[in-house]
Amino acid sequence: MMLALGIRYLNGWAMAAADGARKEEAEWPPHPDRVFMALAAAWFETGEDPAEGAALEWLQQLVAPELDASDARRRATGSSGSQPVSYVPVNDGRVSKRAPSSTGLAKLKDAGLSLLPEHRGRQGRHFPIAVPLLPTVYLVWPAAEPGAHTESLETLAAKVANIGHSASLVQVWLTRKAIQARWVPTDGIAQRRLRIPAPGRLEYLRRRCNRDAVIGYRELQHRIGQAKGKEKKMLQAELEEYFGADEPVSLRPEPGLWQGYAERAPATAPGLPAPVFDPRLLVFSIASGRLPLNATLRFMDAMRCTLLKDIADARGAEQTDRANSQTQPSHEQSAHFDYPEWLSGHRADRSASKQPHLAFAPLPFVGAPHADGHLLGIALILPRDLDQAEAARWLKPWVRRDSDGLPPRIRVFDGRHFETEIELELRDGRPQALRPESWTAAGVGACRWASVTPIVLDRHFKGTDKWQKAAESVKTACERIGLPRPLAVELHPVSKHRGVPRANDFSSLHRKSDGGRMQHTHAFIQFAEPVVGPVAVGAGRFRGYGFCKPLNDCRRPAKEAAND
């Protein structure tokens, strides 16, 4: 039992605006509500068959569909983009100032030639376009059974000629083929927010379109223009009786409901070891400013302070709004809130948490021929067992969207050394460093990992065998985050990833007990079998230190790794 709508973009690209009237950002993947509106438009324009209308009424009652869509490259538009602005004729019939003379104007008006595009004024327009890697998209309802609506849906789908702009030509069809969708609805932290239809959407579109009234008014106007005498007066009276003094208009529909979507977690081989951290990294790109990798500690501390402050401000505003809505606010509404342990890293008594909690990790440009180690973004790493809906509620100030579904820019300022802005990473063609799988080896695992920020040792080792002891402590640190004990650990002042600064170029952490400096070092870690990341080990793992990246040659069968 399954229902899916297939959509093939015949031109190889999709033209639709994701940012409303600004029209500078291309929409991809197509929002389910946009597809529903295309189906409704086809129904309105082809006679409003009752069976097809019933099928649309049934479709709008379904839960949000899953989507299967590839990544897309967006053609730049606007003042900051490389795509030139297109100048198109305006839609009214006024004669352009390009006409040769007043006599020519009169002649053009009399002849009706002012309606031709070459005699109309032109205005700049943006046409945002997304070029997907694969031009076919599927909307999937895994548990839906159309039953008697099947034939009507097939007929209606065949009538759809475009989705979005009229130039965005498509072929739409109904399919029962089993499809593993890439994007699934979520109540947790959403990587995308898409508009979806809801019960009553079809009737709302009918009212906004106002098709019958607009067509009826224009037909009466046409008849009045051709009539004379008594007949003309009767038709004018009929026009005023039905429509009054105002001409009926067709209005653009407002966006539908918003639904969060998350990428389906990649299939993981059975029994593949994983840490206590969630491999679904919450990635933020650095939108302004440039920071080196060895600024990690100061930057991650500023990030944490900014996040906690933004959460406190948002919670305080919510409490104020609730209090203002009541004459006597309750004690719960006026009381100060406490951060949950997974967020703050502290227990209720302010002692350090012993449970997995939120960690911050830098995402630098490293491991490539021309890598220079500068930061491209940061990742929020959540505990693996954390409820995603709870995480979304608390992290709302950073993952919220505006009315067009776009994320806010977040200012991060440490008060002295740097000021930058970050935003939730939503691009399809993002750099490798901003893709979670580059850091987690999701699905396939990795045997060999190397640090991109130094691992902070939990104590200072002495003696001739101090480095052997330190290596053993790193193995223990891997076990502490839920991974198997590594086969081998090599400590070195230089990372195996190109572009990473030396360990002594990073700021040192200091013990809270006596303020002493904690020792740190880069490391190469080899496991007996592939493991899934994120791998963040050592005393500074929650503050961006000890973060490791898989090596390019590490994804091999466990037997080969064990024989090394």
Protein backbone atom coordinates (compact mmCIF):
# COMPACT_ATOMS: atom_id res chain seq x y z
CA MET A 1 0.00 0.00 0.00
CA MET A 2 1.65 3.18 -1.21
CA LEU A 3 0.95 6.25 -3.31
CA ALA A 4 3.57 8.30 -5.15
CA LEU A 5 3.47 11.17 -7.61
CA GLY A 6 6.33 11.28 -10.09
CA ILE A 7 7.42 14.66 -11.48
CA ARG A 8 9.86 14.99 -14.37
CA TYR A 9 11.20 18.45 -15.21
CA LEU A 10 11.25 18.36 -19.01
CA ASN A 11 13.70 21.26 -19.43
CA GLY A 12 16.09 19.81 -16.87
CA TRP A 13 15.51 22.76 -14.53
CA ALA A 14 12.84 24.11 -12.18
CA MET A 15 11.79 27.77 -12.07
CA ALA A 16 10.08 28.78 -8.82
CA ALA A 17 10.86 31.40 -6.17
CA ALA A 18 11.55 30.30 -2.61
CA ASP A 19 11.55 33.86 -1.22
CA GLY A 20 8.20 35.20 -2.37
CA ALA A 21 8.10 38.52 -4.21
CA ARG A 22 11.88 39.05 -3.97
CA LYS A 23 12.43 36.18 -6.44
CA GLU A 24 16.14 35.89 -5.77
CA GLU A 25 16.23 32.36 -4.33
CA ALA A 26 15.23 29.27 -6.29
CA GLU A 27 12.99 26.71 -4.60
CA TRP A 28 14.23 23.13 -4.46
CA PRO A 29 12.95 20.55 -3.91
CA PRO A 30 9.42 21.54 -4.99
CA HIS A 31 7.20 22.08 -1.97
CA PRO A 32 4.30 19.61 -1.68
CA ASP A 33 1.89 22.55 -1.47
CA ARG A 34 3.21 23.92 -4.78
CA VAL A 35 2.56 20.53 -6.39
CA PHE A 36 -0.93 20.47 -4.89
CA MET A 37 -1.62 23.97 -6.25
CA ALA A 38 -0.50 22.82 -9.71
CA LEU A 39 -2.99 19.93 -9.50
CA ALA A 40 -5.72 22.31 -8.32
CA ALA A 41 -4.95 24.78 -11.14
CA ALA A 42 -5.25 21.97 -13.69
CA TRP A 43 -8.61 21.07 -12.18
CA PHE A 44 -9.90 24.67 -12.19
CA GLU A 45 -8.86 25.17 -15.81
CA THR A 46 -10.36 21.95 -17.21
CA GLY A 47 -13.94 22.09 -16.04
CA GLU A 48 -13.77 21.07 -12.36
CA ASP A 49 -14.75 17.45 -12.80
CA PRO A 50 -16.50 16.30 -9.55
CA ALA A 51 -14.54 13.05 -9.31
CA GLU A 52 -11.23 14.88 -9.67
CA GLY A 53 -12.37 17.41 -7.08
CA ALA A 54 -13.16 14.58 -4.66
CA ALA A 55 -9.68 13.15 -5.30
CA LEU A 56 -8.10 16.52 -4.44
CA GLU A 57 -10.22 16.75 -1.28
CA TRP A 58 -8.93 13.30 -0.29
CA LEU A 59 -5.32 14.20 -1.14
CA GLN A 60 -5.30 17.31 1.06
CA GLN A 61 -6.37 15.20 4.04
CA LEU A 62 -3.23 13.02 3.90
CA VAL A 63 -0.22 13.46 6.16
CA ALA A 64 2.81 15.30 4.80
CA PRO A 65 4.45 13.24 2.04
CA GLU A 66 8.03 12.06 1.90
CA LEU A 67 10.18 13.43 -0.93
CA ASP A 68 12.79 11.84 -3.12
CA ALA A 69 14.84 14.56 -4.82
CA SER A 70 18.48 14.95 -5.74
CA ASP A 71 20.64 17.95 -4.93
CA ALA A 72 20.43 20.93 -7.26
CA ARG A 73 22.64 23.76 -8.43
CA ARG A 74 20.91 27.12 -8.11
CA ARG A 75 21.45 29.78 -10.74
CA ALA A 76 22.39 33.02 -9.03
CA THR A 77 20.11 36.04 -9.40
CA GLY A 78 19.81 39.51 -7.95
CA SER A 79 22.36 42.23 -7.38
CA SER A 80 24.89 39.88 -5.80
CA GLY A 81 24.49 37.08 -8.35
CA SER A 82 26.14 36.47 -11.68
CA GLN A 83 22.91 36.04 -13.62
CA PRO A 84 21.88 39.27 -15.45
CA VAL A 85 18.48 40.76 -14.83
CA SER A 86 15.94 40.06 -17.60
CA TYR A 87 13.88 43.00 -18.84
CA VAL A 88 10.40 41.91 -19.91
CA PRO A 89 7.35 43.78 -21.26
CA VAL A 90 4.88 44.91 -18.62
CA ASN A 91 1.46 43.29 -18.62
CA ASP A 92 -0.66 46.41 -19.27
CA GLY A 93 -1.50 47.97 -22.63
CA ARG A 94 -0.06 51.41 -22.09
CA VAL A 95 2.03 52.67 -24.99
CA SER A 96 5.74 52.93 -24.33
CA LYS A 97 7.60 56.26 -24.60
CA ARG A 98 9.55 54.63 -27.38
CA ALA A 99 6.72 55.50 -29.79
CA PRO A 100 7.99 58.02 -32.41
CA SER A 101 5.55 60.88 -31.92
CA SER A 102 2.21 61.92 -30.50
CA THR A 103 0.62 61.24 -33.87
CA GLY A 104 2.21 57.82 -33.84
CA LEU A 105 0.88 57.23 -30.33
CA ALA A 106 -2.65 57.99 -31.41
CA LYS A 107 -2.39 55.74 -34.41
CA LEU A 108 -1.00 52.89 -32.32
CA LYS A 109 -3.78 53.25 -29.78
CA ASP A 110 -6.45 53.33 -32.48
CA ALA A 111 -4.99 50.26 -34.14
CA GLY A 112 -4.65 48.37 -30.84
CA LEU A 113 -0.95 47.82 -31.52
CA SER A 114 -0.02 49.14 -28.07
CA LEU A 115 -0.77 45.64 -26.79
CA LEU A 116 2.17 44.19 -28.71
CA PRO A 117 5.28 43.48 -26.57
CA GLU A 118 7.57 45.69 -28.64
CA HIS A 119 5.44 48.76 -27.83
CA ARG A 120 5.19 48.14 -24.07
CA GLY A 121 7.53 49.37 -21.38
CA ARG A 122 9.95 46.88 -19.84
CA GLN A 123 10.83 46.15 -16.24
CA GLY A 124 13.60 44.10 -14.70
CA ARG A 125 12.63 40.64 -13.51
CA HIS A 126 14.47 37.82 -11.76
CA PHE A 127 13.91 34.22 -12.76
CA PRO A 128 15.39 31.96 -10.04
CA ILE A 129 16.25 28.53 -11.41
CA ALA A 130 17.34 25.28 -9.76
CA VAL A 131 19.15 22.73 -11.93
CA PRO A 132 18.84 19.32 -10.23
CA LEU A 133 21.35 16.53 -10.70
CA LEU A 134 18.39 14.28 -11.52
CA PRO A 135 15.32 15.90 -13.12
CA THR A 136 12.81 13.47 -11.55
CA VAL A 137 11.17 14.01 -8.14
CA TYR A 138 8.77 11.79 -6.22
CA LEU A 139 6.22 12.72 -3.56
CA VAL A 140 5.57 9.56 -1.55
CA TRP A 141 2.76 8.67 0.85
CA PRO A 142 3.90 5.25 2.17
CA ALA A 143 0.62 4.36 3.91
CA ALA A 144 -1.91 5.91 1.48
CA GLU A 145 -4.35 3.88 -0.58
CA PRO A 146 -6.22 5.99 -3.17
CA GLY A 147 -8.77 3.26 -3.98
CA ALA A 148 -11.62 4.80 -5.99
CA HIS A 149 -9.62 8.01 -6.49
CA THR A 150 -6.86 6.28 -8.46
CA GLU A 151 -8.23 6.94 -11.94
CA SER A 152 -9.12 10.56 -11.14
CA LEU A 153 -5.65 11.23 -9.76
CA GLU A 154 -4.04 9.70 -12.84
CA THR A 155 -6.20 11.88 -15.12
CA LEU A 156 -5.51 15.00 -13.06
CA ALA A 157 -1.77 14.38 -12.96
CA ALA A 158 -1.67 14.05 -16.74
CA LYS A 159 -3.23 17.53 -17.06
CA VAL A 160 -0.42 19.30 -15.14
CA ALA A 161 1.85 21.10 -17.62
CA ASN A 162 4.03 23.17 -15.28
CA ILE A 163 4.93 23.59 -11.61
CA GLY A 164 5.94 27.07 -10.48
CA HIS A 165 6.59 29.37 -13.44
CA SER A 166 4.74 28.65 -16.68
CA ALA A 167 8.11 27.96 -18.35
CA SER A 168 8.90 25.23 -15.80
CA LEU A 169 7.44 22.39 -17.88
CA VAL A 170 6.79 19.04 -16.22
CA GLN A 171 5.31 15.62 -16.72
CA VAL A 172 3.39 14.27 -13.73
CA TRP A 173 2.16 10.72 -13.23
CA LEU A 174 0.89 8.35 -10.56
CA THR A 175 3.08 5.41 -9.61
CA ARG A 176 2.96 2.43 -7.26
CA LYS A 177 6.68 1.72 -7.59
CA ALA A 178 8.42 1.20 -4.25
CA ILE A 179 10.47 4.34 -3.57
CA GLN A 180 12.87 4.96 -0.69
CA ALA A 181 12.43 8.70 -0.24
CA ARG A 182 15.40 10.83 0.74
CA TRP A 183 13.53 13.49 2.75
CA VAL A 184 11.05 12.55 5.49
CA PRO A 185 8.81 14.76 7.69
CA THR A 186 10.11 15.37 11.19
CA ASP A 187 9.02 17.11 14.37
CA GLY A 188 12.66 17.41 15.40
CA ILE A 189 15.45 19.54 13.99
CA ALA A 190 14.65 20.09 10.34
CA GLN A 191 17.24 20.51 7.62
CA ARG A 192 14.52 21.89 5.36
CA ARG A 193 11.11 23.44 5.86
CA LEU A 194 8.60 22.90 3.08
CA ARG A 195 5.02 24.07 2.62
CA ILE A 196 2.37 21.35 2.65
CA PRO A 197 -1.39 21.35 1.91
CA ALA A 198 -3.92 20.82 4.69
CA PRO A 199 -7.69 20.18 4.97
CA GLY A 200 -9.58 23.11 3.43
CA ARG A 201 -6.74 24.09 1.09
CA LEU A 202 -8.71 23.42 -2.11
CA GLU A 203 -11.63 25.61 -1.02
CA TYR A 204 -9.19 28.34 0.01
CA LEU A 205 -7.56 28.24 -3.44
CA ARG A 206 -10.98 28.47 -5.05
CA ARG A 207 -11.80 31.62 -3.08
CA ARG A 208 -8.44 33.25 -3.79
CA CYS A 209 -8.59 32.41 -7.48
CA ASN A 210 -12.17 33.73 -7.71
CA ARG A 211 -12.22 32.34 -11.24
CA ASP A 212 -16.00 32.33 -11.87
CA ALA A 213 -16.49 35.91 -10.70
CA VAL A 214 -13.53 37.26 -12.70
CA ILE A 215 -14.62 35.51 -15.90
CA GLY A 216 -18.27 36.49 -15.39
CA TYR A 217 -17.36 40.15 -14.85
CA ARG A 218 -15.23 40.29 -18.01
CA GLU A 219 -17.88 38.57 -20.09
CA LEU A 220 -20.50 41.09 -18.95
CA GLN A 221 -18.12 43.95 -19.69
CA HIS A 222 -17.57 42.58 -23.17
CA ARG A 223 -21.31 42.29 -23.78
CA ILE A 224 -21.87 45.84 -22.49
CA GLY A 225 -19.24 47.11 -24.91
CA GLN A 226 -21.09 45.56 -27.84
CA ALA A 227 -24.65 46.38 -26.69
CA LYS A 228 -26.61 49.58 -27.33
CA GLY A 229 -29.56 51.45 -25.90
CA LYS A 230 -31.90 49.61 -23.57
CA GLU A 231 -29.97 46.36 -23.69
CA LYS A 232 -26.79 48.14 -22.59
CA LYS A 233 -28.57 49.71 -19.59
CA MET A 234 -29.96 46.32 -18.57
CA LEU A 235 -26.53 44.72 -18.73
CA GLN A 236 -24.99 47.57 -16.70
CA ALA A 237 -27.69 47.10 -14.07
CA GLU A 238 -26.93 43.37 -14.02
CA LEU A 239 -23.21 44.10 -13.60
CA GLU A 240 -23.87 46.39 -10.61
CA GLU A 241 -26.32 43.90 -9.07
CA TYR A 242 -23.90 40.98 -9.16
CA PHE A 243 -20.57 42.71 -8.61
CA GLY A 244 -21.29 46.11 -7.09
CA ALA A 245 -18.87 48.96 -7.62
CA ASP A 246 -15.66 46.89 -7.32
CA GLU A 247 -14.23 44.65 -10.01
CA PRO A 248 -13.56 41.11 -8.70
CA VAL A 249 -9.88 40.18 -8.62
CA SER A 250 -7.89 36.96 -8.48
CA LEU A 251 -5.35 37.01 -5.64
CA ARG A 252 -2.16 35.05 -5.17
CA PRO A 253 -2.59 32.36 -2.49
CA GLU A 254 -0.76 32.70 0.80
CA PRO A 255 1.74 29.92 1.65
CA GLY A 256 0.36 26.75 3.17
CA LEU A 257 1.43 25.13 6.43
CA TRP A 258 5.14 24.65 7.08
CA GLN A 259 6.53 21.17 7.73
CA GLY A 260 10.06 20.28 8.78
CA TYR A 261 11.96 17.69 6.76
CA ALA A 262 15.11 15.78 7.61
CA GLU A 263 17.29 13.66 5.38
CA ARG A 264 16.72 9.97 5.95
CA ALA A 265 19.62 8.51 7.89
CA PRO A 266 21.83 6.39 5.61
CA ALA A 267 21.56 2.66 6.03
CA THR A 268 24.27 1.44 8.36
CA ALA A 269 25.82 -1.99 8.19
CA PRO A 270 24.50 -4.20 11.03
CA GLY A 271 26.68 -4.08 14.12
CA LEU A 272 28.79 -1.14 12.98
CA PRO A 273 30.13 0.50 16.16
CA ALA A 274 28.96 4.06 16.81
CA PRO A 275 29.69 6.60 19.56
CA VAL A 276 27.28 8.20 22.01
CA PHE A 277 27.01 11.14 19.61
CA ASP A 278 24.40 11.49 16.87
CA PRO A 279 25.89 11.27 13.33
CA ARG A 280 23.26 13.78 12.11
CA LEU A 281 25.39 16.86 12.65
CA LEU A 282 23.64 20.22 12.81
CA VAL A 283 25.82 22.25 10.44
CA PHE A 284 26.17 26.05 10.38
CA SER A 285 28.24 27.81 7.74
CA ILE A 286 30.28 30.92 8.43
CA ALA A 287 28.54 33.65 6.43
CA SER A 288 30.97 36.47 7.15
CA GLY A 289 34.46 36.76 8.54
CA ARG A 290 37.40 34.39 8.23
CA LEU A 291 38.88 32.43 11.14
CA PRO A 292 41.84 30.04 11.34
CA LEU A 293 41.44 26.55 12.75
CA ASN A 294 43.69 27.30 15.73
CA ALA A 295 41.05 29.82 16.94
CA THR A 296 38.77 26.84 17.68
CA LEU A 297 38.73 27.09 21.46
CA ARG A 298 37.88 30.78 21.61
CA PHE A 299 35.35 30.45 18.78
CA MET A 300 33.58 27.41 20.26
CA ASP A 301 33.35 29.09 23.67
CA ALA A 302 31.82 32.19 22.04
CA MET A 303 29.42 29.94 20.14
CA ARG A 304 28.25 28.25 23.33
CA CYS A 305 27.76 31.56 25.14
CA THR A 306 25.82 32.98 22.17
CA LEU A 307 23.57 29.93 21.94
CA LEU A 308 22.73 29.92 25.67
CA LYS A 309 22.06 33.67 25.59
CA ASP A 310 19.80 33.39 22.52
CA ILE A 311 17.86 30.55 24.17
CA ALA A 312 17.49 32.56 27.38
CA ASP A 313 16.27 35.61 25.45
CA ALA A 314 13.76 33.53 23.48
CA ARG A 315 12.47 31.78 26.60
CA GLY A 316 12.21 35.07 28.45
CA ALA A 317 10.20 36.58 25.58
CA GLU A 318 7.86 33.57 25.60
CA GLN A 319 7.31 33.88 29.34
CA THR A 320 6.61 37.61 29.00
CA ASP A 321 4.08 36.97 26.23
CA ARG A 322 2.31 34.34 28.31
CA ALA A 323 2.30 36.59 31.36
CA ASN A 324 0.87 39.51 29.37
CA SER A 325 -1.95 37.30 28.12
CA GLN A 326 -3.19 36.73 31.70
CA THR A 327 -4.19 39.12 34.44
CA GLN A 328 -2.37 37.08 37.07
CA PRO A 329 0.57 35.11 35.65
CA SER A 330 1.21 31.75 37.23
CA HIS A 331 4.36 31.03 39.24
CA GLU A 332 5.55 28.67 36.50
CA GLN A 333 5.30 31.39 33.89
CA SER A 334 7.15 34.00 35.91
CA ALA A 335 9.86 31.71 37.31
CA HIS A 336 13.34 31.51 35.79
CA PHE A 337 13.96 28.39 33.72
CA ASP A 338 16.88 25.97 33.96
CA TYR A 339 18.74 24.56 30.96
CA PRO A 340 18.42 20.79 30.52
CA GLU A 341 21.51 18.74 31.32
CA TRP A 342 22.07 17.69 27.68
CA LEU A 343 22.30 21.37 26.70
CA SER A 344 24.28 22.96 29.52
CA GLY A 345 26.56 20.06 30.40
CA HIS A 346 25.78 20.57 34.09
CA ARG A 347 23.55 18.84 36.59
CA ALA A 348 20.92 20.63 38.64
CA ASP A 349 23.51 21.13 41.43
CA ARG A 350 25.86 22.81 38.87
CA SER A 351 28.33 19.93 38.94
CA ALA A 352 29.68 18.59 35.64
CA SER A 353 27.39 16.18 33.82
CA LYS A 354 28.45 12.56 33.48
CA GLN A 355 26.03 12.02 30.58
CA PRO A 356 26.57 12.81 26.88
CA HIS A 357 25.64 16.41 26.16
CA LEU A 358 25.84 19.04 23.44
CA ALA A 359 29.26 19.38 21.81
CA PHE A 360 30.68 21.91 19.35
CA ALA A 361 33.05 20.99 16.53
CA PRO A 362 34.90 23.07 13.91
CA LEU A 363 34.49 22.22 10.22
CA PRO A 364 37.70 23.42 8.52
CA PHE A 365 39.03 23.17 4.98
CA VAL A 366 41.57 20.38 5.47
CA GLY A 367 42.70 17.16 3.80
CA ALA A 368 42.78 18.59 0.25
CA PRO A 369 45.78 19.56 -1.93
CA HIS A 370 45.33 23.31 -1.33
CA ALA A 371 43.81 23.14 2.15
CA ASP A 372 44.74 26.03 4.42
CA GLY A 373 42.79 25.08 7.55
CA HIS A 374 40.43 28.06 7.71
CA LEU A 375 37.00 27.44 9.18
CA LEU A 376 34.10 26.98 6.78
CA GLY A 377 31.55 26.24 9.47
CA ILE A 378 30.79 24.62 12.79
CA ALA A 379 28.72 21.63 13.84
CA LEU A 380 26.48 21.10 16.82
CA ILE A 381 26.79 17.46 17.92
CA LEU A 382 23.84 16.11 19.88
CA PRO A 383 23.65 13.01 22.10
CA ARG A 384 22.51 10.04 20.03
CA ASP A 385 19.60 9.13 22.31
CA LEU A 386 18.27 12.68 22.63
CA ASP A 387 14.65 13.20 21.61
CA GLN A 388 14.76 15.25 18.40
CA ALA A 389 11.55 17.14 19.19
CA GLU A 390 12.99 18.32 22.51
CA ALA A 391 16.22 19.37 20.79
CA ALA A 392 14.21 21.38 18.24
CA ARG A 393 12.27 23.18 20.99
CA TRP A 394 15.38 24.29 22.83
CA LEU A 395 17.47 25.12 19.76
CA LYS A 396 14.63 27.02 18.10
CA PRO A 397 16.42 30.43 18.10
CA TRP A 398 19.09 28.95 15.81
CA VAL A 399 16.97 26.64 13.64
CA ARG A 400 13.88 28.81 13.16
CA ARG A 401 12.89 30.13 9.72
CA ASP A 402 11.36 33.35 8.46
CA SER A 403 8.11 33.63 6.49
CA ASP A 404 9.91 32.43 3.35
CA GLY A 405 11.43 29.43 5.12
CA LEU A 406 14.95 30.90 5.24
CA PRO A 407 17.18 30.71 8.35
CA PRO A 408 18.39 33.74 10.32
CA ARG A 409 21.96 34.97 10.46
CA ILE A 410 23.44 34.66 13.95
CA ARG A 411 26.06 37.12 15.16
CA VAL A 412 28.92 35.60 17.15
CA PHE A 413 31.20 38.07 18.95
CA ASP A 414 33.66 37.22 21.69
CA GLY A 415 33.94 40.84 22.86
CA ARG A 416 37.44 41.44 21.56
CA HIS A 417 39.12 39.14 19.07
CA PHE A 418 36.58 38.44 16.34
CA GLU A 419 33.06 39.08 15.12
CA THR A 420 31.37 36.86 12.57
CA GLU A 421 27.99 35.59 11.42
CA ILE A 422 26.79 32.04 10.96
CA GLU A 423 23.63 30.54 9.47
CA LEU A 424 22.09 27.10 9.23
CA GLU A 425 23.60 25.34 6.21
CA LEU A 426 20.86 24.44 3.69
CA ARG A 427 22.65 24.50 0.34
CA ASP A 428 22.60 21.46 -1.91
CA GLY A 429 26.01 22.03 -3.45
CA ARG A 430 27.75 22.65 -0.15
CA PRO A 431 31.52 22.16 0.22
CA GLN A 432 32.72 18.74 1.33
CA ALA A 433 33.75 20.16 4.70
CA LEU A 434 30.11 21.12 5.43
CA ARG A 435 28.73 17.66 4.67
CA PRO A 436 28.20 15.53 7.80
CA GLU A 437 29.27 12.33 6.05
CA SER A 438 32.75 13.82 5.51
CA TRP A 439 33.22 13.73 9.28
CA THR A 440 31.14 10.71 10.30
CA ALA A 441 31.71 8.17 7.48
CA ALA A 442 27.97 7.55 7.85
CA GLY A 443 26.70 4.23 6.56
CA VAL A 444 30.06 2.61 5.73
CA GLY A 445 32.26 3.50 8.69
CA ALA A 446 36.01 4.07 8.75
CA CYS A 447 38.95 2.23 10.29
CA ARG A 448 41.48 5.06 10.33
CA TRP A 449 40.89 8.48 11.85
CA ALA A 450 43.19 11.45 12.44
CA SER A 451 42.65 14.54 14.58
CA VAL A 452 41.98 17.97 13.06
CA THR A 453 42.07 19.60 16.50
CA PRO A 454 44.45 18.29 19.16
CA ILE A 455 43.28 15.72 21.70
CA VAL A 456 43.48 17.01 25.27
CA LEU A 457 44.96 14.39 27.61
CA ASP A 458 43.14 13.88 30.90
CA ARG A 459 46.35 14.05 32.91
CA HIS A 460 50.04 14.88 32.57
CA PHE A 461 52.15 11.75 32.07
CA LYS A 462 55.74 11.40 33.24
CA GLY A 463 58.57 8.92 32.82
CA THR A 464 60.38 7.40 29.87
CA ASP A 465 57.19 5.67 28.69
CA LYS A 466 54.95 8.74 29.04
CA TRP A 467 53.92 8.75 25.38
CA GLN A 468 52.94 5.08 25.50
CA LYS A 469 50.81 5.86 28.55
CA ALA A 470 49.31 8.86 26.79
CA ALA A 471 48.44 6.69 23.76
CA GLU A 472 46.71 4.20 26.06
CA SER A 473 44.72 7.05 27.60
CA VAL A 474 43.48 8.02 24.12
CA LYS A 475 42.37 4.42 23.59
CA THR A 476 40.46 4.65 26.86
CA ALA A 477 38.95 7.95 25.73
CA CYS A 478 37.58 6.17 22.64
CA GLU A 479 35.93 3.58 24.88
CA ARG A 480 34.52 6.40 27.01
CA ILE A 481 32.43 7.64 24.06
CA GLY A 482 31.13 4.18 23.22
CA LEU A 483 33.64 3.06 20.59
CA PRO A 484 35.73 -0.15 20.72
CA ARG A 485 39.29 0.09 21.95
CA PRO A 486 41.53 1.01 18.98
CA LEU A 487 44.19 -1.34 17.63
CA ALA A 488 46.75 1.43 17.60
CA VAL A 489 47.15 5.09 18.51
CA GLU A 490 50.05 7.23 17.34
CA LEU A 491 50.63 10.64 18.93
CA HIS A 492 52.41 13.37 17.02
CA PRO A 493 52.67 17.19 17.02
CA VAL A 494 51.55 17.24 13.35
CA SER A 495 48.19 16.00 12.02
CA LYS A 496 47.93 13.54 9.15
CA HIS A 497 45.39 15.88 7.49
CA ARG A 498 46.89 18.53 5.22
CA GLY A 499 46.16 22.11 6.25
CA VAL A 500 45.86 21.43 10.01
CA PRO A 501 48.12 23.60 12.23
CA ARG A 502 50.64 21.97 14.57
CA ALA A 503 49.32 20.99 18.00
CA ASN A 504 51.36 23.68 19.78
CA ASP A 505 49.70 26.36 17.62
CA PHE A 506 46.39 25.72 19.44
CA SER A 507 45.52 27.39 22.73
CA SER A 508 45.79 25.20 25.80
CA LEU A 509 42.92 24.19 28.06
CA HIS A 510 43.36 24.79 31.79
CA ARG A 511 42.22 22.65 34.68
CA LYS A 512 39.44 24.12 36.79
CA SER A 513 40.94 22.73 39.97
CA ASP A 514 44.30 24.54 39.94
CA GLY A 515 44.43 26.44 36.64
CA GLY A 516 47.24 24.25 35.35
CA ARG A 517 47.77 23.85 31.63
CA MET A 518 46.51 20.58 30.13
CA GLN A 519 48.65 18.77 27.59
CA HIS A 520 47.32 18.17 24.09
CA THR A 521 48.55 16.42 20.94
CA HIS A 522 47.48 15.31 17.50
CA ALA A 523 46.72 11.62 17.03
CA PHE A 524 46.22 8.90 14.45
CA ILE A 525 43.71 6.25 15.55
CA GLN A 526 43.22 2.86 13.92
CA PHE A 527 40.33 0.54 14.78
CA ALA A 528 40.08 -3.18 14.06
CA GLU A 529 36.81 -2.64 12.21
CA PRO A 530 35.07 0.34 10.62
CA VAL A 531 33.32 2.66 13.08
CA VAL A 532 30.87 5.50 12.53
CA GLY A 533 31.54 9.00 13.77
CA PRO A 534 31.51 11.66 14.93
CA VAL A 535 34.73 10.80 16.74
CA ALA A 536 35.41 13.47 19.37
CA VAL A 537 37.66 12.31 22.22
CA GLY A 538 39.60 13.71 25.12
CA ALA A 539 38.96 16.25 27.84
CA GLY A 540 38.10 19.03 25.37
CA ARG A 541 35.70 17.06 23.16
CA PHE A 542 32.69 19.25 24.04
CA ARG A 543 34.60 22.46 23.19
CA GLY A 544 35.89 21.54 19.73
CA TYR A 545 39.10 19.72 20.65
CA GLY A 546 39.83 16.07 19.91
CA PHE A 547 37.66 16.17 16.77
CA CYS A 548 38.75 13.60 14.20
CA LYS A 549 38.17 13.10 10.50
CA PRO A 550 38.36 9.79 8.61
CA LEU A 551 41.31 9.35 6.29
CA ASN A 552 40.67 8.89 2.58
CA ASP A 553 42.01 5.32 2.50
CA CYS A 554 40.25 4.06 5.60
CA ARG A 555 36.97 2.60 4.36
CA ARG A 556 38.01 -1.02 4.11
CA PRO A 557 36.71 -4.39 5.34
CA ALA A 558 37.40 -5.18 8.98
CA LYS A 559 39.61 -8.18 8.11
CA GLU A 560 41.99 -6.01 6.08
CA ALA A 561 42.25 -3.46 8.87
CA ALA A 562 42.97 -6.16 11.44
CA ASN A 563 45.80 -7.58 9.30
CA ASP A 564 47.71 -4.27 9.15
